Protein backbone atom coordinates (compact mmCIF):
# COMPACT_ATOMS: atom_id res chain seq x y z
CA MET A 1 -13.77 -96.12 5.18
CA LYS A 2 -16.16 -94.12 3.04
CA LEU A 3 -17.56 -97.35 1.73
CA LEU A 4 -18.14 -98.61 5.24
CA LEU A 5 -19.87 -95.37 6.19
CA ILE A 6 -22.15 -95.55 3.13
CA ILE A 7 -23.09 -99.18 3.88
CA PHE A 8 -23.78 -98.29 7.53
CA LEU A 9 -25.89 -95.30 6.47
CA ALA A 10 -27.89 -97.39 3.96
CA VAL A 11 -28.56 -100.14 6.51
CA SER A 12 -29.65 -97.69 9.19
CA LEU A 13 -31.97 -95.76 6.83
CA ASN A 14 -33.52 -99.03 5.66
CA SER A 15 -34.19 -100.14 9.24
CA PHE A 16 -35.93 -96.86 10.09
CA ALA A 17 -38.08 -96.87 6.96
CA GLN A 18 -41.46 -98.49 7.53
CA THR A 19 -44.15 -99.30 5.11
CA ARG A 20 -47.72 -98.22 5.69
CA ASP A 21 -48.73 -101.85 6.14
CA SER A 22 -46.26 -102.49 8.95
CA LEU A 23 -47.53 -99.38 10.78
CA ASN A 24 -51.12 -100.61 10.52
CA ARG A 25 -50.23 -104.05 11.84
CA ARG A 26 -48.37 -102.62 14.81
CA SER A 27 -51.19 -100.18 15.61
CA ALA A 28 -53.78 -102.92 15.40
CA ARG A 29 -51.71 -105.13 17.71
CA ARG A 30 -51.30 -102.26 20.18
CA ILE A 31 -55.06 -101.47 20.13
CA ALA A 32 -55.94 -105.13 20.56
CA SER A 33 -53.63 -105.44 23.53
CA ILE A 34 -55.31 -102.53 25.34
CA GLU A 35 -58.00 -104.08 27.48
CA ALA A 36 -61.29 -102.28 27.66
CA PRO A 37 -62.85 -102.20 31.10
CA PRO A 38 -65.49 -104.92 31.48
CA LEU A 39 -69.10 -103.84 31.24
CA PRO A 40 -70.79 -103.84 34.62
CA GLU A 41 -73.06 -106.77 35.35
CA PRO A 42 -76.74 -105.94 35.38
CA MET A 43 -78.06 -105.18 38.83
CA LEU A 44 -80.74 -107.56 40.05
CA ILE A 45 -83.64 -106.41 42.19
CA VAL A 46 -85.66 -109.47 43.19
CA ASN A 47 -88.82 -109.04 45.23
CA GLU A 48 -87.97 -105.38 45.83
CA LYS A 49 -84.52 -106.16 47.33
CA LEU A 50 -81.01 -106.07 45.89
CA TYR A 51 -80.11 -109.62 44.86
CA ASN A 52 -76.45 -110.63 44.89
CA SER A 53 -76.76 -114.27 43.83
CA ALA A 54 -76.71 -115.60 40.28
CA LEU A 55 -79.80 -115.06 38.14
CA GLU A 56 -79.80 -118.80 37.42
CA SER A 57 -80.60 -119.50 41.08
CA ILE A 58 -84.13 -118.11 40.64
CA ASP A 59 -86.74 -120.68 39.63
CA ALA A 60 -88.05 -119.29 36.35
CA ARG A 61 -91.45 -120.92 36.92
CA THR A 62 -92.07 -118.58 39.88
CA ILE A 63 -91.37 -115.34 38.00
CA ILE A 64 -94.58 -113.40 37.34
CA ASN A 65 -93.08 -110.06 36.36
CA MET A 66 -89.71 -109.01 34.97
CA GLN A 67 -88.60 -105.60 33.73
CA VAL A 68 -85.24 -104.49 32.36
CA THR A 69 -84.32 -100.82 32.58
CA SER A 70 -81.32 -98.78 31.48
CA ASP A 71 -79.11 -96.42 33.51
CA SER A 72 -81.27 -93.32 33.73
CA SER A 73 -84.46 -94.95 34.97
CA SER A 74 -82.83 -97.37 37.41
CA VAL A 75 -80.50 -95.15 39.46
CA SER A 76 -83.19 -93.93 41.85
CA ALA A 77 -84.67 -97.40 42.30
CA THR A 78 -81.27 -98.86 43.11
CA ARG A 79 -80.39 -96.27 45.72
CA GLY A 80 -77.88 -94.41 43.58
CA ARG A 81 -75.76 -97.39 42.51
CA LYS A 82 -74.84 -97.12 38.87
CA SER A 83 -75.30 -100.10 36.61
CA ARG A 84 -75.56 -100.50 32.88
CA LYS A 85 -78.90 -102.29 33.25
CA THR A 86 -81.18 -103.20 36.13
CA ILE A 87 -83.41 -106.25 36.11
CA PHE A 88 -86.48 -106.11 38.35
CA ILE A 89 -88.04 -109.50 39.11
CA ILE A 90 -91.15 -110.32 41.13
CA THR A 91 -91.81 -113.95 42.08
CA LYS A 92 -95.25 -115.44 42.65
CA PRO A 93 -94.71 -116.32 46.35
CA PHE A 94 -93.68 -112.72 47.06
CA ALA A 95 -96.58 -111.26 45.06
CA VAL A 96 -99.12 -113.53 46.78
CA LYS A 97 -97.86 -112.60 50.25
CA SER A 98 -97.88 -108.92 49.27
CA TYR A 99 -101.46 -108.83 47.94
CA GLN A 100 -102.70 -110.97 50.83
CA GLU A 101 -101.30 -108.41 53.28
CA LYS A 102 -102.88 -105.52 51.34
CA LEU A 103 -106.31 -107.16 51.14
CA GLY A 104 -106.11 -108.57 54.68
CA ALA A 105 -105.52 -105.06 56.03
CA VAL A 106 -108.95 -104.10 54.65
CA SER A 107 -110.91 -107.30 55.41
CA ARG A 108 -110.66 -109.09 58.77
CA GLU A 109 -112.71 -112.03 57.39
CA TYR A 110 -110.22 -112.54 54.56
CA GLN A 111 -107.31 -112.25 56.98
CA SER A 112 -108.89 -114.85 59.30
CA TYR A 113 -109.51 -117.23 56.40
CA LEU A 114 -105.86 -117.00 55.34
CA LYS A 115 -104.67 -117.71 58.90
CA GLU A 116 -106.94 -120.78 59.13
CA HIS A 117 -105.68 -122.07 55.76
CA ASN A 118 -101.96 -121.24 56.17
CA GLY A 119 -102.04 -118.57 53.47
CA LYS A 120 -103.49 -120.89 50.82
CA ASP A 121 -105.90 -119.06 48.56
CA ASP A 122 -106.12 -121.43 45.58
CA ASP A 123 -109.83 -122.02 46.13
CA ILE A 124 -110.74 -118.32 46.32
CA GLN A 125 -112.38 -116.56 43.40
CA TYR A 126 -111.17 -112.94 43.20
CA ILE A 127 -113.39 -110.32 41.63
CA LEU A 128 -111.88 -106.90 40.91
CA ASN A 129 -114.38 -104.15 40.06
CA ASN A 130 -117.00 -106.72 39.00
CA ASP A 131 -114.52 -108.57 36.75
CA PRO A 132 -113.70 -112.13 37.86
CA LEU A 133 -109.97 -112.83 37.75
CA GLU A 134 -108.99 -116.18 36.30
CA ASN A 135 -107.34 -118.15 39.07
CA LYS A 136 -104.94 -119.83 36.66
CA GLY A 137 -101.22 -119.35 36.31
CA ASN A 138 -99.66 -116.13 37.49
CA GLU A 139 -102.05 -113.53 36.10
CA THR A 140 -104.23 -113.15 39.22
CA ALA A 141 -101.17 -112.78 41.44
CA ASN A 142 -99.67 -110.20 39.08
CA VAL A 143 -102.88 -108.13 38.82
CA LEU A 144 -103.46 -108.10 42.59
CA TYR A 145 -99.79 -107.41 43.35
CA LYS A 146 -99.80 -104.36 41.07
CA LEU A 147 -102.97 -102.97 42.68
CA PRO A 148 -101.83 -99.97 44.74
CA PRO A 149 -103.14 -100.08 48.33
CA GLU A 150 -104.35 -96.47 48.12
CA LYS A 151 -106.67 -97.45 45.24
CA ILE A 152 -108.48 -100.13 47.29
CA ILE A 153 -111.89 -98.84 48.38
CA GLY A 154 -113.22 -102.03 49.94
CA VAL A 155 -112.70 -105.78 50.22
CA THR A 156 -115.55 -108.19 50.94
CA PHE A 157 -114.90 -111.83 51.78
CA THR A 158 -117.92 -114.07 51.34
CA GLU A 159 -118.91 -117.66 50.69
CA ARG A 160 -121.45 -118.61 48.07
CA PRO A 161 -123.09 -122.02 47.88
CA MET A 162 -121.92 -124.14 44.96
CA PRO A 163 -124.51 -124.70 42.20
CA ASN A 164 -124.66 -128.43 43.01
CA GLY A 165 -125.47 -127.62 46.64
CA ILE A 166 -122.32 -129.31 47.95
CA GLY A 167 -119.87 -126.98 49.68
CA SER A 168 -119.30 -123.32 49.01
CA GLN A 169 -117.18 -121.06 46.84
CA LYS A 170 -115.01 -118.50 48.65
CA VAL A 171 -115.13 -115.11 46.95
CA VAL A 172 -113.14 -111.93 47.52
CA ILE A 173 -114.78 -108.89 45.99
CA ILE A 174 -112.41 -105.95 45.60
CA ASP A 175 -113.67 -102.46 44.83
CA ALA A 176 -110.90 -100.18 43.65
CA LYS A 177 -110.46 -96.80 42.05
CA ALA A 178 -109.39 -97.05 38.43
CA HIS A 179 -105.62 -97.11 38.07
CA GLU A 180 -103.34 -96.93 35.06
């Protein structure tokens, strides 16, 4: 009986004894099985509105401005919603419509021209504070979109005869206060 008790005691002590390695393996397994909460998806603000579709659905060729911000700077812009990151995107069609409305509010001639030409302004040369803007790519749209309306002093829409005497060049001259 004593022998049986000693064997039982030895077996039970052996089963409770654990090596340092077996403790580490079990802890690692336990930590790995705990799921961390997923990181929140970045919030998308496209053309100044909350965008709930996939980022891939935006035609990258139309993007003229994109900014990524972190929590602290994006909470106010996103109406208090918290997100790990916020992506602000402006597309060229939105920027063009925006600057056309700003400039059209100051110049009736420019506004009339846009109405007659269905909003097409590809043949217009824009001059901002005596600096001609290159009408290539997205740069003109981006510069005019970022121009705050309160900085616009005047907008003059005019036509100049072409050097070869055939047709005319449409020109929009924008006078604006310096802005940062």
